[in-house]
Protein backbone atom coordinates (compact mmCIF):
# COMPACT_ATOMS: atom_id res chain seq x y z
CA UNK A 1 -58.44 6.78 14.89
CA UNK A 2 -57.46 7.52 11.34
CA UNK A 3 -54.52 9.81 10.56
CA UNK A 4 -55.57 13.31 10.30
CA UNK A 5 -58.89 12.55 11.91
CA UNK A 6 -58.18 13.81 15.19
CA UNK A 7 -61.01 16.08 16.43
CA UNK A 8 -59.57 17.34 19.76
CA UNK A 9 -60.08 20.89 20.06
CA UNK A 10 -56.42 21.23 21.22
CA UNK A 11 -54.77 19.66 18.36
CA UNK A 12 -53.97 21.51 15.19
CA UNK A 13 -51.71 20.89 12.25
CA UNK A 14 -48.35 19.27 13.37
CA UNK A 15 -48.56 20.31 17.12
CA UNK A 16 -48.66 17.82 19.82
CA UNK A 17 -51.69 18.08 22.00
CA UNK A 18 -49.99 19.29 25.03
CA UNK A 19 -48.67 22.26 22.96
CA UNK A 20 -51.75 24.09 23.78
CA UNK A 21 -52.01 23.79 27.26
CA UNK A 22 -51.43 27.03 29.37
CA UNK A 23 -47.75 27.68 29.76
CA UNK A 24 -47.96 31.12 31.61
CA UNK A 25 -50.70 30.50 33.92
CA UNK A 26 -50.15 29.33 37.57
CA UNK A 27 -52.07 26.60 38.82
CA UNK A 28 -54.42 28.78 40.83
CA UNK A 29 -55.10 30.61 37.51
CA UNK A 30 -55.84 27.57 35.55
CA UNK A 31 -58.61 26.64 38.10
CA UNK A 32 -60.06 30.00 37.96
CA UNK A 33 -58.89 32.01 34.62
CA UNK A 34 -61.54 34.84 35.11
CA UNK A 35 -59.07 36.16 37.84
CA UNK A 36 -56.60 36.53 34.88
CA UNK A 37 -59.24 38.64 33.13
CA UNK A 38 -59.89 40.83 36.18
CA UNK A 39 -56.12 41.44 36.50
CA UNK A 40 -55.79 42.33 33.02
CA UNK A 41 -58.53 45.14 33.30
CA UNK A 42 -57.05 46.05 36.91
CA UNK A 43 -53.92 47.28 34.82
CA UNK A 44 -55.35 49.35 32.15
CA UNK A 45 -58.81 50.11 30.59
CA UNK A 46 -59.96 48.40 27.37
CA UNK A 47 -58.99 51.59 25.54
CA UNK A 48 -55.52 51.50 27.21
CA UNK A 49 -54.87 48.01 26.26
CA UNK A 50 -56.05 48.63 22.67
CA UNK A 51 -53.78 51.63 22.58
CA UNK A 52 -50.69 49.65 23.73
CA UNK A 53 -51.50 46.81 21.03
CA UNK A 54 -51.48 49.27 18.33
CA UNK A 55 -48.16 50.78 19.26
CA UNK A 56 -46.80 47.48 19.63
CA UNK A 57 -48.08 46.35 15.98
CA UNK A 58 -46.28 49.94 14.71
CA UNK A 59 -43.04 48.97 16.04
CA UNK A 60 -43.12 45.73 14.37
CA UNK A 61 -43.96 47.15 10.86
CA UNK A 62 -41.64 50.12 11.10
CA UNK A 63 -38.01 50.34 11.17
CA UNK A 64 -38.05 51.80 14.95
CA UNK A 65 -37.69 49.69 17.97
CA UNK A 66 -39.54 49.81 21.34
CA UNK A 67 -37.85 51.81 23.82
CA UNK A 68 -39.85 53.31 26.61
CA UNK A 69 -38.52 56.86 27.62
CA UNK A 70 -38.79 55.75 31.32
CA UNK A 71 -38.73 51.87 31.53
CA UNK A 72 -37.01 50.90 28.38
CA UNK A 73 -38.05 47.64 26.81
CA UNK A 74 -39.53 46.36 29.94
CA UNK A 75 -42.67 48.00 29.29
CA UNK A 76 -43.25 46.00 26.15
CA UNK A 77 -42.27 42.81 28.00
CA UNK A 78 -44.89 43.47 30.61
CA UNK A 79 -47.59 44.01 27.83
CA UNK A 80 -46.34 40.67 26.07
CA UNK A 81 -46.68 38.79 29.18
CA UNK A 82 -50.16 40.33 29.97
CA UNK A 83 -51.29 39.22 26.51
CA UNK A 84 -50.15 35.58 26.78
CA UNK A 85 -51.85 35.22 30.10
CA UNK A 86 -55.04 36.65 28.59
CA UNK A 87 -55.01 34.35 25.62
CA UNK A 88 -54.46 31.36 27.65
CA UNK A 89 -57.24 32.24 30.20
CA UNK A 90 -59.93 33.14 27.58
CA UNK A 91 -59.24 29.68 25.85
CA UNK A 92 -59.90 28.07 29.02
CA UNK A 93 -63.01 30.25 29.52
CA UNK A 94 -64.19 29.14 26.03
CA UNK A 95 -63.48 25.55 26.85
CA UNK A 96 -65.41 25.81 30.07
CA UNK A 97 -68.35 27.37 28.09
CA UNK A 98 -68.39 24.90 25.43
CA UNK A 99 -68.90 22.13 27.95
CA UNK A 100 -71.48 24.05 29.89
CA UNK A 101 -73.16 26.39 27.56
CA UNK A 102 -76.56 25.45 29.17
CA UNK A 103 -75.60 27.28 32.23
CA UNK A 104 -75.03 30.60 30.90
CA UNK A 105 -77.87 32.98 30.63
CA UNK A 106 -78.93 34.57 27.47
CA UNK A 107 -78.54 38.33 27.18
CA UNK A 108 -81.51 40.34 25.73
CA UNK A 109 -81.38 43.37 23.85
CA UNK A 110 -82.86 45.34 26.36
CA UNK A 111 -80.00 44.40 28.51
CA UNK A 112 -77.47 45.29 26.01
CA UNK A 113 -79.16 48.78 25.61
CA UNK A 114 -78.86 48.94 29.37
CA UNK A 115 -75.25 48.17 29.46
CA UNK A 116 -74.48 50.81 26.88
CA UNK A 117 -76.15 53.22 28.91
CA UNK A 118 -74.62 52.36 32.45
CA UNK A 119 -71.10 50.85 31.69
CA UNK A 120 -68.03 53.09 31.47
CA UNK A 121 -67.14 51.59 27.89
CA UNK A 122 -69.05 49.27 25.58
CA UNK A 123 -67.09 47.67 22.79
CA UNK A 124 -68.07 48.48 19.19
CA UNK A 125 -66.10 45.99 17.37
CA UNK A 126 -68.26 43.01 17.84
CA UNK A 127 -71.45 41.96 15.90
CA UNK A 128 -74.56 41.96 17.61
CA UNK A 129 -74.82 37.96 18.35
CA UNK A 130 -71.36 38.37 19.81
CA UNK A 131 -72.30 41.36 22.23
CA UNK A 132 -75.21 38.91 23.28
CA UNK A 133 -72.70 36.02 23.82
CA UNK A 134 -69.00 37.15 23.92
CA UNK A 135 -68.22 33.43 23.77
CA UNK A 136 -69.06 33.36 20.18
CA UNK A 137 -66.40 35.88 19.56
CA UNK A 138 -63.83 33.93 21.49
CA UNK A 139 -64.83 30.84 19.42
CA UNK A 140 -64.07 32.85 16.16
CA UNK A 141 -60.50 34.17 17.80
CA UNK A 142 -59.55 30.46 18.00
CA UNK A 143 -61.20 28.88 15.15
CA UNK A 144 -58.21 28.90 12.84
CA UNK A 145 -55.37 29.78 14.87
CA UNK A 146 -54.58 27.78 18.10
CA UNK A 147 -53.23 28.95 21.21
CA UNK A 148 -49.52 28.15 20.54
CA UNK A 149 -49.66 29.46 17.26
CA UNK A 150 -50.67 33.02 18.94
CA UNK A 151 -47.82 32.50 21.30
CA UNK A 152 -45.51 31.89 18.65
CA UNK A 153 -47.08 35.02 16.72
CA UNK A 154 -46.58 37.23 19.72
CA UNK A 155 -43.11 36.11 20.24
CA UNK A 156 -42.22 37.07 16.75
CA UNK A 157 -43.85 40.33 17.40
CA UNK A 158 -41.72 40.87 20.40
CA UNK A 159 -38.69 40.12 18.48
CA UNK A 160 -39.42 42.50 15.64
CA UNK A 161 -40.60 45.40 18.08
CA UNK A 162 -37.32 45.15 19.89
CA UNK A 163 -35.09 45.13 16.90
CA UNK A 164 -34.38 48.29 14.85
CA UNK A 165 -35.60 46.40 11.45
CA UNK A 166 -39.22 46.05 10.52
CA UNK A 167 -40.66 42.62 9.96
CA UNK A 168 -39.58 40.84 6.73
CA UNK A 169 -41.29 38.56 4.58
CA UNK A 170 -41.56 35.69 7.47
CA UNK A 171 -44.47 37.70 9.09
CA UNK A 172 -46.99 38.30 6.09
CA UNK A 173 -49.00 41.45 6.01
CA UNK A 174 -52.13 39.25 6.31
CA UNK A 175 -51.09 37.42 9.26
CA UNK A 176 -50.30 40.68 11.26
CA UNK A 177 -53.78 42.07 10.38
CA UNK A 178 -55.29 38.82 11.25
CA UNK A 179 -53.65 38.55 14.62
CA UNK A 180 -54.19 42.22 15.39
CA UNK A 181 -57.76 42.14 14.64
CA UNK A 182 -58.46 39.02 16.49
CA UNK A 183 -56.58 40.34 19.65
CA UNK A 184 -58.70 43.30 19.37
CA UNK A 185 -61.90 41.04 19.15
CA UNK A 186 -60.59 39.12 22.21
CA UNK A 187 -60.21 42.09 24.33
CA UNK A 188 -63.48 43.10 23.81
CA UNK A 189 -65.12 39.63 24.55
CA UNK A 190 -63.02 39.60 27.55
CA UNK A 191 -64.26 43.05 28.62
CA UNK A 192 -67.96 41.87 28.29
CA UNK A 193 -67.21 38.64 30.25
CA UNK A 194 -65.39 40.84 32.71
CA UNK A 195 -68.39 43.22 33.14
CA UNK A 196 -71.09 40.29 33.33
CA UNK A 197 -69.26 37.67 35.48
CA UNK A 198 -67.40 39.24 37.85
CA UNK A 199 -68.09 41.57 40.76
CA UNK A 200 -65.81 44.43 39.35
CA UNK A 201 -68.43 46.11 36.84
CA UNK A 202 -67.07 49.42 36.01
CA UNK A 203 -69.95 52.01 35.65
CA UNK A 204 -69.94 55.70 34.47
CA UNK A 205 -71.28 56.89 37.83
CA UNK A 206 -67.89 55.16 39.23
CA UNK A 207 -66.01 58.05 37.28
CA UNK A 208 -67.80 60.41 39.34
CA UNK A 209 -67.30 58.73 42.62
CA UNK A 210 -63.73 57.35 42.19
CA UNK A 211 -62.24 60.31 44.13
CA UNK A 212 -64.38 60.11 47.07
CA UNK A 213 -63.20 57.83 49.92
CA UNK A 214 -66.03 56.35 52.07
CA UNK A 215 -65.00 56.70 55.56
CA UNK A 216 -67.38 53.83 56.57
CA UNK A 217 -64.93 51.52 54.77
CA UNK A 218 -61.72 52.70 56.36
CA UNK A 219 -60.38 50.47 58.91
CA UNK A 220 -57.04 51.51 60.58
CA UNK A 221 -54.54 49.28 61.81
CA UNK A 222 -52.36 49.85 65.02
CA UNK A 223 -48.96 48.65 66.10
CA UNK A 224 -49.85 45.65 68.05
CA UNK A 225 -48.18 42.48 66.41
CA UNK A 226 -49.23 39.11 67.00
CA UNK A 227 -46.81 36.84 65.22
CA UNK A 228 -47.64 33.44 64.12
CA UNK A 229 -45.36 30.40 65.17
CA UNK A 230 -44.18 30.38 61.62
CA UNK A 231 -43.39 34.04 61.81
CA UNK A 232 -41.65 33.75 65.06
CA UNK A 233 -39.24 31.15 63.54
CA UNK A 234 -38.67 33.53 60.60
CA UNK A 235 -37.96 36.50 62.96
CA UNK A 236 -35.40 34.22 64.82
CA UNK A 237 -33.77 33.45 61.57
CA UNK A 238 -33.84 37.27 60.75
CA UNK A 239 -32.38 38.10 64.42
CA UNK A 240 -29.50 35.86 63.83
CA UNK A 241 -28.53 37.39 60.54
CA UNK A 242 -28.76 40.68 61.97
CA UNK A 243 -26.66 40.16 64.83
CA UNK A 244 -24.20 38.32 62.82
CA UNK A 245 -23.94 40.99 59.97
CA UNK A 246 -24.44 44.11 62.44
CA UNK A 247 -23.13 43.28 66.10
CA UNK A 248 -23.72 47.06 67.06
CA UNK A 249 -27.61 46.15 67.09
CA UNK A 250 -28.80 46.28 70.66
CA UNK A 251 -32.39 45.73 70.14
CA UNK A 252 -34.95 44.43 67.49
CA UNK A 253 -38.60 45.05 67.94
CA UNK A 254 -41.16 43.88 65.43
CA UNK A 255 -43.98 46.32 64.64
CA UNK A 256 -46.05 44.21 62.33
CA UNK A 257 -46.34 42.74 58.94
CA UNK A 258 -47.91 43.42 55.49
CA UNK A 259 -48.92 40.58 53.18
CA UNK A 260 -48.11 41.79 49.74
CA UNK A 261 -45.37 41.45 49.24
CA UNK A 262 -44.86 39.64 52.88
CA UNK A 263 -42.75 42.36 54.83
CA UNK A 264 -41.27 42.40 58.32
CA UNK A 265 -41.54 45.87 59.85
CA UNK A 266 -38.43 46.12 62.30
CA UNK A 267 -37.29 48.79 64.76
CA UNK A 268 -33.61 48.25 65.21
CA UNK A 269 -31.77 50.25 68.07
CA UNK A 270 -27.89 50.39 67.69
CA UNK A 271 -25.01 51.58 70.14
CA UNK A 272 -24.62 55.35 70.62
CA UNK A 273 -20.84 54.89 69.59
CA UNK A 274 -21.64 53.62 66.18
CA UNK A 275 -20.35 55.79 63.46
CA UNK A 276 -22.16 54.46 60.48
CA UNK A 277 -25.36 56.47 59.58
CA UNK A 278 -28.56 54.97 60.64
CA UNK A 279 -29.87 54.81 57.28
CA UNK A 280 -26.76 52.85 56.09
CA UNK A 281 -27.01 50.34 58.84
CA UNK A 282 -30.90 49.91 57.68
CA UNK A 283 -30.01 49.32 54.19
CA UNK A 284 -27.34 46.71 55.25
CA UNK A 285 -29.73 44.90 57.23
CA UNK A 286 -32.35 44.66 54.80
CA UNK A 287 -29.86 43.61 51.84
CA UNK A 288 -28.62 40.73 54.20
CA UNK A 289 -31.92 39.63 55.04
CA UNK A 290 -33.28 39.70 51.80
CA UNK A 291 -32.68 36.15 50.95
CA UNK A 292 -34.86 35.07 54.00
CA UNK A 293 -37.76 37.76 53.83
CA UNK A 294 -38.70 41.38 52.95
CA UNK A 295 -37.65 43.43 55.71
CA UNK A 296 -38.39 47.19 56.19
CA UNK A 297 -36.03 48.68 58.96
CA UNK A 298 -36.43 51.89 61.12
CA UNK A 299 -33.05 52.55 62.65
CA UNK A 300 -32.19 54.77 65.67
CA UNK A 301 -29.47 55.10 68.10
CA UNK A 302 -30.34 53.61 71.75
CA UNK A 303 -29.91 57.36 73.11
CA UNK A 304 -32.71 58.45 70.84
CA UNK A 305 -35.26 55.94 72.23
CA UNK A 306 -34.46 56.67 75.82
CA UNK A 307 -34.83 60.46 75.05
CA UNK A 308 -37.93 59.86 73.36
CA UNK A 309 -39.42 57.63 76.23
CA UNK A 310 -38.48 60.05 78.75
CA UNK A 311 -40.54 63.09 77.12
CA UNK A 312 -43.38 60.70 76.17
CA UNK A 313 -43.35 60.56 72.45
CA UNK A 314 -46.27 58.51 71.26
CA UNK A 315 -44.41 56.12 68.74
CA UNK A 316 -42.07 54.98 71.23
CA UNK A 317 -44.58 54.52 74.01
CA UNK A 318 -46.83 52.34 71.46
CA UNK A 319 -43.77 50.39 70.52
CA UNK A 320 -42.55 49.46 73.87
CA UNK A 321 -45.95 48.67 75.00
CA UNK A 322 -47.45 46.67 72.10
CA UNK A 323 -44.48 45.75 69.94
CA UNK A 324 -43.01 42.20 69.85
CA UNK A 325 -39.41 42.25 71.19
CA UNK A 326 -37.13 39.83 69.19
CA UNK A 327 -33.96 40.66 70.88
CA UNK A 328 -32.71 43.02 73.62
CA UNK A 329 -29.10 43.27 74.77
CA UNK A 330 -28.60 42.66 78.33
CA UNK A 331 -26.73 45.96 78.88
CA UNK A 332 -29.56 48.08 77.16
CA UNK A 333 -31.84 49.48 80.05
CA UNK A 334 -34.67 51.74 78.74
CA UNK A 335 -36.75 54.02 80.94
CA UNK A 336 -40.56 52.96 81.31
CA UNK A 337 -42.96 54.30 78.73
CA UNK A 338 -45.53 56.80 79.73
CA UNK A 339 -49.33 56.58 79.22
CA UNK A 340 -50.86 59.06 77.02
CA UNK A 341 -54.32 60.20 77.14
CA UNK A 342 -56.83 60.65 74.33
CA UNK A 343 -56.87 64.48 74.71
CA UNK A 344 -53.03 64.35 73.93
CA UNK A 345 -53.25 61.89 71.13
CA UNK A 346 -55.78 64.26 69.52
CA UNK A 347 -53.86 67.52 70.10
CA UNK A 348 -50.82 65.97 68.61
CA UNK A 349 -52.52 64.57 65.85
CA UNK A 350 -54.32 67.69 64.94
CA UNK A 351 -50.78 69.57 65.24
CA UNK A 352 -49.18 67.63 62.75
CA UNK A 353 -51.97 67.64 60.17
CA UNK A 354 -52.63 71.42 60.46
CA UNK A 355 -48.61 72.00 60.08
CA UNK A 356 -47.82 69.56 57.23
CA UNK A 357 -51.23 68.27 55.86
CA UNK A 358 -52.31 71.85 55.38
CA UNK A 359 -48.79 72.77 53.69
CA UNK A 360 -49.26 69.77 51.50
CA UNK A 361 -52.58 71.14 50.21
CA UNK A 362 -51.14 74.75 49.55
CA UNK A 363 -48.33 73.09 47.43
CA UNK A 364 -51.06 71.10 45.40
CA UNK A 365 -52.75 74.62 44.98
CA UNK A 366 -49.51 75.97 43.54
CA UNK A 367 -49.07 73.15 41.28
CA UNK A 368 -52.41 73.82 39.61
CA UNK A 369 -51.50 77.49 39.11
CA UNK A 370 -48.23 76.33 37.36
CA UNK A 371 -50.08 73.73 35.37
CA UNK A 372 -52.58 76.26 34.01
CA UNK A 373 -49.56 78.41 33.12
CA UNK A 374 -48.11 75.43 31.15
CA UNK A 375 -44.92 75.36 33.53
CA UNK A 376 -45.08 71.60 33.96
CA UNK A 377 -41.49 71.42 35.35
CA UNK A 378 -42.31 73.60 38.46
CA UNK A 379 -46.02 71.79 38.80
CA UNK A 380 -44.28 68.55 39.05
CA UNK A 381 -41.76 69.85 41.68
CA UNK A 382 -44.87 71.26 43.72
CA UNK A 383 -46.50 67.88 43.29
CA UNK A 384 -43.47 66.08 44.83
CA UNK A 385 -43.42 68.62 47.55
CA UNK A 386 -47.29 68.16 48.15
CA UNK A 387 -46.98 64.41 48.67
CA UNK A 388 -43.99 64.59 50.76
CA UNK A 389 -45.74 67.10 53.14
CA UNK A 390 -48.97 64.93 53.34
CA UNK A 391 -47.11 61.81 53.87
CA UNK A 392 -45.08 63.41 56.92
CA UNK A 393 -48.57 64.87 58.04
CA UNK A 394 -50.37 61.34 58.04
CA UNK A 395 -47.37 59.21 59.58
CA UNK A 396 -46.73 61.83 62.22
CA UNK A 397 -50.53 62.11 62.93
CA UNK A 398 -51.24 58.48 63.22
CA UNK A 399 -48.21 56.75 64.44
CA UNK A 400 -46.59 59.79 66.32
CA UNK A 401 -43.39 59.04 64.46
CA UNK A 402 -41.21 62.05 63.70
CA UNK A 403 -40.21 61.82 60.01
CA UNK A 404 -36.70 62.28 59.15
CA UNK A 405 -36.33 60.96 55.70
CA UNK A 406 -37.53 62.24 51.98
CA UNK A 407 -37.62 59.22 50.13
CA UNK A 408 -41.12 58.87 49.05
CA UNK A 409 -41.09 55.07 48.63
CA UNK A 410 -39.95 54.37 52.12
CA UNK A 411 -42.52 56.90 53.45
CA UNK A 412 -45.30 55.11 51.24
CA UNK A 413 -44.36 51.77 52.81
CA UNK A 414 -44.35 53.01 56.27
CA UNK A 415 -48.02 54.01 55.84
CA UNK A 416 -48.82 50.51 55.29
CA UNK A 417 -48.54 49.90 58.92
CA UNK A 418 -51.97 51.67 59.50
CA UNK A 419 -53.64 51.33 55.94
CA UNK A 420 -53.09 50.58 52.36
CA UNK A 421 -55.19 53.24 50.75
CA UNK A 422 -52.42 55.81 50.42
CA UNK A 423 -50.52 53.22 48.27
CA UNK A 424 -53.45 52.13 46.44
CA UNK A 425 -53.99 55.66 45.05
CA UNK A 426 -50.97 55.27 42.72
CA UNK A 427 -51.90 51.66 41.67
CA UNK A 428 -48.32 50.59 41.46
CA UNK A 429 -49.50 47.37 39.85
CA UNK A 430 -49.91 49.01 36.63
CA UNK A 431 -47.54 50.42 34.06
CA UNK A 432 -49.03 53.69 33.99
CA UNK A 433 -49.03 53.81 37.69
CA UNK A 434 -45.60 52.89 38.01
CA UNK A 435 -44.64 55.52 35.64
CA UNK A 436 -46.45 58.27 37.01
CA UNK A 437 -44.95 57.32 40.60
CA UNK A 438 -41.47 57.38 39.03
CA UNK A 439 -42.29 60.70 37.64
CA UNK A 440 -43.38 61.83 41.18
CA UNK A 441 -40.08 60.55 42.75
CA UNK A 442 -37.91 62.14 40.34
CA UNK A 443 -39.65 65.43 39.95
CA UNK A 444 -37.73 67.08 43.01
CA UNK A 445 -34.11 66.34 42.10
CA UNK A 446 -34.89 66.76 38.25
CA UNK A 447 -36.45 70.02 38.65
CA UNK A 448 -33.72 71.40 40.73
CA UNK A 449 -30.56 69.96 38.89
CA UNK A 450 -31.54 68.88 35.54
CA UNK A 451 -32.11 71.67 33.27
CA UNK A 452 -33.41 69.45 30.26
CA UNK A 453 -36.09 68.13 32.66
CA UNK A 454 -39.62 68.92 30.91
CA UNK A 455 -42.27 66.55 31.95
CA UNK A 456 -45.00 66.36 29.32
CA UNK A 457 -48.45 68.18 29.81
CA UNK A 458 -50.50 64.72 30.05
CA UNK A 459 -48.07 63.20 32.32
CA UNK A 460 -48.41 66.05 34.73
CA UNK A 461 -51.94 66.13 34.47
CA UNK A 462 -52.18 62.42 35.30
CA UNK A 463 -49.99 63.14 38.39
CA UNK A 464 -51.92 65.93 39.52
CA UNK A 465 -54.97 63.88 39.40
CA UNK A 466 -53.43 61.32 41.35
CA UNK A 467 -51.84 63.62 44.19
CA UNK A 468 -55.34 65.46 44.40
CA UNK A 469 -56.71 61.91 45.33
CA UNK A 470 -53.75 61.21 47.46
CA UNK A 471 -54.38 64.66 49.53
CA UNK A 472 -58.19 63.69 49.97
CA UNK A 473 -57.44 60.18 50.84
CA UNK A 474 -54.63 61.09 53.64
CA UNK A 475 -57.44 63.86 54.91
CA UNK A 476 -60.08 60.95 55.19
CA UNK A 477 -57.65 58.66 57.16
CA UNK A 478 -56.59 61.45 59.61
CA UNK A 479 -60.32 62.18 60.14
CA UNK A 480 -61.01 58.48 60.66
CA UNK A 481 -58.24 58.20 63.06
CA UNK A 482 -59.82 61.09 65.23
CA UNK A 483 -63.25 59.39 65.00
CA UNK A 484 -61.58 56.19 66.32
CA UNK A 485 -60.04 57.78 69.29
CA UNK A 486 -63.30 59.79 70.17
């Protein structure tokens, strides 16, 4: 082969061929790059990603440096990683299309008009031929700039945005504009591919229905673990660590697991003479087990369990009947659990929902009044109170466990024992979802003790929308629980 005549699509300038292969994608993502596109649009909308890119570019060209109010530079690092993964995935999709273009159906003008009418968004920065075939747009994006060159450009962008000096002459204005416009085009092409080639097509009607939870889709889990052989081995390792670090432990019961991230839920009983507060013992156990697995603990004195079993507390009866006992000290003797009738289950569930769930709804109504009056500080405070009350209601109604903590994150993790729906409301995988939940968590203490705490109107609006959906979701779970019992 003559020098300079290499026609490989992955060979540009003086780069070695392997430089253009994916560097940020997992093996699974390389095999199915369409999943990366789905993940990209699950973190934010097309408009949201374009807004983030524009903001990033502004920090590159001005003397200001990126420092998000709540998460510092971490937000920009998240955006940087998302863009690298999207670039590599779209390049792989383009190569696949180029080799199998005959396989892809042609999109008609009629279909495009229907898509514009039905879809939640249709990109306007693509030519007609690119709207019909987004791979033509992807081809243009990579025509003169290779994947490795894009990685280098974005690496420069990251550095300039985090330093308090604008881009110097090493980054030409024409290059900055070219990369920015190409990325916007890539976003739009990725969106069209997402809408046409995945089962996650986002329609306008979905915006109307997104706050309605279909009861027929709800399946509630119960405390009834059935650990695999591998999980049993892991539980033995966890038991050894717990007993070594916390000899005051008298019983360990496995309540269940959650797959993402994989977490063991454990009920821990400690001696009545133990002076260390239960929550501190729980924190110590979770910290010491961290190198083995994620562990979520519920810690109580042994005497609390005995009293609860004697009076027929539903949570304790279910745990003793269905839980997987990992360890029990020979000297610990517990009374027999009592059978609980369906009528009593329903009566207790209704009591807890009518006591705490209704209160959560009243807090939500109060927050709306404060929001209408532009008092966003008190609106945020009442939204926190609403979520705490609703969590208390649903945990006590479903599990029968009396909530004695105020940590929203731990309460939310506890609901994963019976449903993922409540956690999914806040969509904590996205930057925006994590930011809104952080505002919610801080609203109680900040409103009470920080006189300078003044959340902005848009953040409180988004938070109120999320809490409204949270309440309706919890109510649906409660009604489904009653239906399951009956």
